[in-house]
Amino acid sequence: MAVPKRRQSNQKTRSRRAHDFLTPRQLTFCSNCGKAVPTHRICGTCGHYMGRAVIKTGD
């Protein structure tokens, strides 16, 4: 089994892991009620998506 000859530097390790962080969730605002909603999702509050009512809510 192969064994590394030298210890990897901190810079090499950190540059390899640079893309491993989590990206924050992108939010848009509902055109009907103004609540923050994740992109490409139906609004959980009013049931609208892309300006149309998709789901009937209890309101």
PDB file of N, CA and C in Angstrom:
ATOM      1  N   MET A   1       0.830  -1.175   0.000  1.00  0.00           N
ATOM      2  CA  MET A   1       0.000   0.000   0.000  1.00  0.00           C
ATOM      3  C   MET A   1       0.884   1.252   0.000  1.00  0.00           C
ATOM      4  N   ALA A   2       0.510   2.250  -0.749  1.00  0.00           N
ATOM      5  CA  ALA A   2       1.325   3.457  -0.880  1.00  0.00           C
ATOM      6  C   ALA A   2       1.254   4.302   0.395  1.00  0.00           C
ATOM      7  N   VAL A   3       2.383   4.874   0.747  1.00  0.00           N
ATOM      8  CA  VAL A   3       2.478   5.746   1.909  1.00  0.00           C
ATOM      9  C   VAL A   3       3.050   7.072   1.434  1.00  0.00           C
ATOM     10  N   PRO A   4       2.472   8.219   1.840  1.00  0.00           N
ATOM     11  CA  PRO A   4       3.012   9.504   1.405  1.00  0.00           C
ATOM     12  C   PRO A   4       4.431   9.727   1.930  1.00  0.00           C
ATOM     13  N   LYS A   5       5.291  10.285   1.058  1.00  0.00           N
ATOM     14  CA  LYS A   5       6.676  10.537   1.472  1.00  0.00           C
ATOM     15  C   LYS A   5       6.784  11.726   2.407  1.00  0.00           C
ATOM     16  N   ARG A   6       5.963  12.738   2.156  1.00  0.00           N
ATOM     17  CA  ARG A   6       6.056  13.952   2.959  1.00  0.00           C
ATOM     18  C   ARG A   6       4.676  14.361   3.465  1.00  0.00           C
ATOM     19  N   ARG A   7       4.693  15.109   4.548  1.00  0.00           N
ATOM     20  CA  ARG A   7       3.465  15.633   5.125  1.00  0.00           C
ATOM     21  C   ARG A   7       2.906  16.721   4.210  1.00  0.00           C
ATOM     22  N   GLN A   8       1.579  16.725   4.024  1.00  0.00           N
ATOM     23  CA  GLN A   8       0.976  17.773   3.204  1.00  0.00           C
ATOM     24  C   GLN A   8       0.924  19.075   3.989  1.00  0.00           C
ATOM     25  N   SER A   9       1.211  20.165   3.321  1.00  0.00           N
ATOM     26  CA  SER A   9       1.192  21.462   3.989  1.00  0.00           C
ATOM     27  C   SER A   9      -0.252  21.882   4.278  1.00  0.00           C
ATOM     28  N   ASN A  10      -0.391  22.832   5.194  1.00  0.00           N
ATOM     29  CA  ASN A  10      -1.719  23.354   5.530  1.00  0.00           C
ATOM     30  C   ASN A  10      -2.366  24.014   4.321  1.00  0.00           C
ATOM     31  N   GLN A  11      -1.574  24.716   3.522  1.00  0.00           N
ATOM     32  CA  GLN A  11      -2.114  25.394   2.343  1.00  0.00           C
ATOM     33  C   GLN A  11      -2.685  24.390   1.350  1.00  0.00           C
ATOM     34  N   LYS A  12      -1.990  23.300   1.132  1.00  0.00           N
ATOM     35  CA  LYS A  12      -2.447  22.262   0.199  1.00  0.00           C
ATOM     36  C   LYS A  12      -3.756  21.634   0.697  1.00  0.00           C
ATOM     37  N   THR A  13      -3.818  21.348   1.981  1.00  0.00           N
ATOM     38  CA  THR A  13      -5.015  20.752   2.575  1.00  0.00           C
ATOM     39  C   THR A  13      -6.197  21.701   2.477  1.00  0.00           C
ATOM     40  N   ARG A  14      -5.977  22.952   2.831  1.00  0.00           N
ATOM     41  CA  ARG A  14      -7.074  23.928   2.836  1.00  0.00           C
ATOM     42  C   ARG A  14      -7.544  24.273   1.439  1.00  0.00           C
ATOM     43  N   SER A  15      -6.650  24.315   0.468  1.00  0.00           N
ATOM     44  CA  SER A  15      -7.076  24.608  -0.901  1.00  0.00           C
ATOM     45  C   SER A  15      -7.855  23.436  -1.490  1.00  0.00           C
ATOM     46  N   ARG A  16      -7.546  22.217  -1.051  1.00  0.00           N
ATOM     47  CA  ARG A  16      -8.316  21.057  -1.498  1.00  0.00           C
ATOM     48  C   ARG A  16      -9.721  21.089  -0.905  1.00  0.00           C
ATOM     49  N   ARG A  17      -9.856  21.567   0.312  1.00  0.00           N
ATOM     50  CA  ARG A  17     -11.141  21.581   0.991  1.00  0.00           C
ATOM     51  C   ARG A  17     -11.923  22.877   0.753  1.00  0.00           C
ATOM     52  N   ALA A  18     -11.459  23.728  -0.110  1.00  0.00           N
ATOM     53  CA  ALA A  18     -12.069  25.046  -0.284  1.00  0.00           C
ATOM     54  C   ALA A  18     -13.508  24.967  -0.775  1.00  0.00           C
ATOM     55  N   HIS A  19     -13.860  23.920  -1.511  1.00  0.00           N
ATOM     56  CA  HIS A  19     -15.210  23.814  -2.067  1.00  0.00           C
ATOM     57  C   HIS A  19     -16.143  22.993  -1.184  1.00  0.00           C
ATOM     58  N   ASP A  20     -15.693  22.554  -0.023  1.00  0.00           N
ATOM     59  CA  ASP A  20     -16.497  21.682   0.826  1.00  0.00           C
ATOM     60  C   ASP A  20     -17.471  22.417   1.738  1.00  0.00           C
ATOM     61  N   PHE A  21     -17.438  23.731   1.761  1.00  0.00           N
ATOM     62  CA  PHE A  21     -18.312  24.463   2.666  1.00  0.00           C
ATOM     63  C   PHE A  21     -19.752  24.459   2.156  1.00  0.00           C
ATOM     64  N   LEU A  22     -20.697  24.679   3.036  1.00  0.00           N
ATOM     65  CA  LEU A  22     -22.106  24.726   2.670  1.00  0.00           C
ATOM     66  C   LEU A  22     -22.458  26.121   2.169  1.00  0.00           C
ATOM     67  N   THR A  23     -23.240  26.189   1.115  1.00  0.00           N
ATOM     68  CA  THR A  23     -23.678  27.480   0.606  1.00  0.00           C
ATOM     69  C   THR A  23     -25.005  27.840   1.266  1.00  0.00           C
ATOM     70  N   PRO A  24     -25.224  29.104   1.568  1.00  0.00           N
ATOM     71  CA  PRO A  24     -26.495  29.485   2.176  1.00  0.00           C
ATOM     72  C   PRO A  24     -27.640  29.291   1.191  1.00  0.00           C
ATOM     73  N   ARG A  25     -28.802  28.985   1.707  1.00  0.00           N
ATOM     74  CA  ARG A  25     -29.974  28.733   0.886  1.00  0.00           C
ATOM     75  C   ARG A  25     -30.441  30.039   0.239  1.00  0.00           C
ATOM     76  N   GLN A  26     -30.684  29.989  -1.075  1.00  0.00           N
ATOM     77  CA  GLN A  26     -31.137  31.181  -1.775  1.00  0.00           C
ATOM     78  C   GLN A  26     -32.633  31.361  -1.563  1.00  0.00           C
ATOM     79  N   LEU A  27     -33.003  32.547  -1.147  1.00  0.00           N
ATOM     80  CA  LEU A  27     -34.406  32.843  -0.882  1.00  0.00           C
ATOM     81  C   LEU A  27     -34.898  33.934  -1.825  1.00  0.00           C
ATOM     82  N   THR A  28     -36.145  33.792  -2.255  1.00  0.00           N
ATOM     83  CA  THR A  28     -36.828  34.849  -2.992  1.00  0.00           C
ATOM     84  C   THR A  28     -38.056  35.210  -2.183  1.00  0.00           C
ATOM     85  N   PHE A  29     -38.686  36.308  -2.541  1.00  0.00           N
ATOM     86  CA  PHE A  29     -39.870  36.741  -1.821  1.00  0.00           C
ATOM     87  C   PHE A  29     -41.109  36.427  -2.629  1.00  0.00           C
ATOM     88  N   CYS A  30     -42.122  35.896  -1.971  1.00  0.00           N
ATOM     89  CA  CYS A  30     -43.377  35.532  -2.624  1.00  0.00           C
ATOM     90  C   CYS A  30     -44.020  36.792  -3.189  1.00  0.00           C
ATOM     91  N   SER A  31     -44.480  36.701  -4.439  1.00  0.00           N
ATOM     92  CA  SER A  31     -45.094  37.870  -5.080  1.00  0.00           C
ATOM     93  C   SER A  31     -46.478  38.166  -4.509  1.00  0.00           C
ATOM     94  N   ASN A  32     -47.085  37.199  -3.830  1.00  0.00           N
ATOM     95  CA  ASN A  32     -48.425  37.392  -3.291  1.00  0.00           C
ATOM     96  C   ASN A  32     -48.399  37.906  -1.852  1.00  0.00           C
ATOM     97  N   CYS A  33     -47.664  37.212  -0.973  1.00  0.00           N
ATOM     98  CA  CYS A  33     -47.696  37.578   0.444  1.00  0.00           C
ATOM     99  C   CYS A  33     -46.407  38.227   0.938  1.00  0.00           C
ATOM    100  N   GLY A  34     -45.311  38.122   0.179  1.00  0.00           N
ATOM    101  CA  GLY A  34     -44.068  38.776   0.557  1.00  0.00           C
ATOM    102  C   GLY A  34     -43.179  37.988   1.494  1.00  0.00           C
ATOM    103  N   LYS A  35     -43.540  36.754   1.834  1.00  0.00           N
ATOM    104  CA  LYS A  35     -42.706  35.921   2.709  1.00  0.00           C
ATOM    105  C   LYS A  35     -41.484  35.417   1.949  1.00  0.00           C
ATOM    106  N   ALA A  36     -40.396  35.142   2.653  1.00  0.00           N
ATOM    107  CA  ALA A  36     -39.188  34.584   2.046  1.00  0.00           C
ATOM    108  C   ALA A  36     -39.415  33.095   1.793  1.00  0.00           C
ATOM    109  N   VAL A  37     -39.189  32.671   0.537  1.00  0.00           N
ATOM    110  CA  VAL A  37     -39.419  31.290   0.121  1.00  0.00           C
ATOM    111  C   VAL A  37     -38.186  30.820  -0.645  1.00  0.00           C
ATOM    112  N   PRO A  38     -37.744  29.561  -0.463  1.00  0.00           N
ATOM    113  CA  PRO A  38     -36.647  29.048  -1.281  1.00  0.00           C
ATOM    114  C   PRO A  38     -37.010  29.085  -2.765  1.00  0.00           C
ATOM    115  N   THR A  39     -36.017  29.271  -3.626  1.00  0.00           N
ATOM    116  CA  THR A  39     -36.281  29.384  -5.052  1.00  0.00           C
ATOM    117  C   THR A  39     -36.893  28.095  -5.589  1.00  0.00           C
ATOM    118  N   HIS A  40     -37.763  28.212  -6.560  1.00  0.00           N
ATOM    119  CA  HIS A  40     -38.447  27.110  -7.234  1.00  0.00           C
ATOM    120  C   HIS A  40     -39.262  26.251  -6.271  1.00  0.00           C
ATOM    121  N   ARG A  41     -39.890  26.878  -5.285  1.00  0.00           N
ATOM    122  CA  ARG A  41     -40.761  26.177  -4.343  1.00  0.00           C
ATOM    123  C   ARG A  41     -42.069  26.946  -4.210  1.00  0.00           C
ATOM    124  N   ILE A  42     -43.126  26.221  -3.906  1.00  0.00           N
ATOM    125  CA  ILE A  42     -44.426  26.845  -3.660  1.00  0.00           C
ATOM    126  C   ILE A  42     -44.375  27.516  -2.292  1.00  0.00           C
ATOM    127  N   CYS A  43     -44.993  28.678  -2.181  1.00  0.00           N
ATOM    128  CA  CYS A  43     -45.041  29.393  -0.912  1.00  0.00           C
ATOM    129  C   CYS A  43     -45.891  28.583   0.065  1.00  0.00           C
ATOM    130  N   GLY A  44     -45.332  28.271   1.231  1.00  0.00           N
ATOM    131  CA  GLY A  44     -46.054  27.485   2.228  1.00  0.00           C
ATOM    132  C   GLY A  44     -47.146  28.254   2.930  1.00  0.00           C
ATOM    133  N   THR A  45     -47.082  29.576   2.871  1.00  0.00           N
ATOM    134  CA  THR A  45     -48.063  30.394   3.562  1.00  0.00           C
ATOM    135  C   THR A  45     -49.334  30.582   2.742  1.00  0.00           C
ATOM    136  N   CYS A  46     -49.165  30.980   1.473  1.00  0.00           N
ATOM    137  CA  CYS A  46     -50.343  31.300   0.657  1.00  0.00           C
ATOM    138  C   CYS A  46     -50.593  30.320  -0.484  1.00  0.00           C
ATOM    139  N   GLY A  47     -49.635  29.427  -0.777  1.00  0.00           N
ATOM    140  CA  GLY A  47     -49.840  28.422  -1.818  1.00  0.00           C
ATOM    141  C   GLY A  47     -49.646  28.918  -3.233  1.00  0.00           C
ATOM    142  N   HIS A  48     -48.967  30.046  -3.418  1.00  0.00           N
ATOM    143  CA  HIS A  48     -48.736  30.605  -4.747  1.00  0.00           C
ATOM    144  C   HIS A  48     -47.354  30.209  -5.272  1.00  0.00           C
ATOM    145  N   TYR A  49     -47.259  30.097  -6.600  1.00  0.00           N
ATOM    146  CA  TYR A  49     -45.982  29.853  -7.270  1.00  0.00           C
ATOM    147  C   TYR A  49     -46.021  30.559  -8.611  1.00  0.00           C
ATOM    148  N   MET A  50     -45.036  31.372  -8.897  1.00  0.00           N
ATOM    149  CA  MET A  50     -44.933  32.121 -10.150  1.00  0.00           C
ATOM    150  C   MET A  50     -46.189  32.969 -10.420  1.00  0.00           C
ATOM    151  N   GLY A  51     -46.752  33.544  -9.352  1.00  0.00           N
ATOM    152  CA  GLY A  51     -47.894  34.438  -9.512  1.00  0.00           C
ATOM    153  C   GLY A  51     -49.248  33.743  -9.625  1.00  0.00           C
ATOM    154  N   ARG A  52     -49.294  32.415  -9.523  1.00  0.00           N
ATOM    155  CA  ARG A  52     -50.569  31.680  -9.633  1.00  0.00           C
ATOM    156  C   ARG A  52     -50.820  30.929  -8.333  1.00  0.00           C
ATOM    157  N   ALA A  53     -52.110  30.722  -8.026  1.00  0.00           N
ATOM    158  CA  ALA A  53     -52.472  29.900  -6.890  1.00  0.00           C
ATOM    159  C   ALA A  53     -52.364  28.439  -7.309  1.00  0.00           C
ATOM    160  N   VAL A  54     -51.498  27.692  -6.658  1.00  0.00           N
ATOM    161  CA  VAL A  54     -51.264  26.295  -7.006  1.00  0.00           C
ATOM    162  C   VAL A  54     -51.965  25.371  -6.010  1.00  0.00           C
ATOM    163  N   ILE A  55     -51.928  25.748  -4.743  1.00  0.00           N
ATOM    164  CA  ILE A  55     -52.530  24.950  -3.660  1.00  0.00           C
ATOM    165  C   ILE A  55     -53.531  25.821  -2.921  1.00  0.00           C
ATOM    166  N   LYS A  56     -54.673  25.241  -2.628  1.00  0.00           N
ATOM    167  CA  LYS A  56     -55.643  25.968  -1.804  1.00  0.00           C
ATOM    168  C   LYS A  56     -55.199  25.884  -0.354  1.00  0.00           C
ATOM    169  N   THR A  57     -55.256  27.021   0.321  1.00  0.00           N
ATOM    170  CA  THR A  57     -54.907  27.058   1.741  1.00  0.00           C
ATOM    171  C   THR A  57     -56.149  27.383   2.543  1.00  0.00           C
ATOM    172  N   GLY A  58     -56.043  27.279   3.841  1.00  0.00           N
ATOM    173  CA  GLY A  58     -57.183  27.500   4.724  1.00  0.00           C
ATOM    174  C   GLY A  58     -57.610  28.959   4.847  1.00  0.00           C
ATOM    175  N   ASP A  59     -56.864  29.860   4.229  1.00  0.00           N
ATOM    176  CA  ASP A  59     -57.185  31.294   4.354  1.00  0.00           C
ATOM    177  C   ASP A  59     -58.434  31.660   3.604  1.00  0.00           C
TER     178      ASP A  59
END
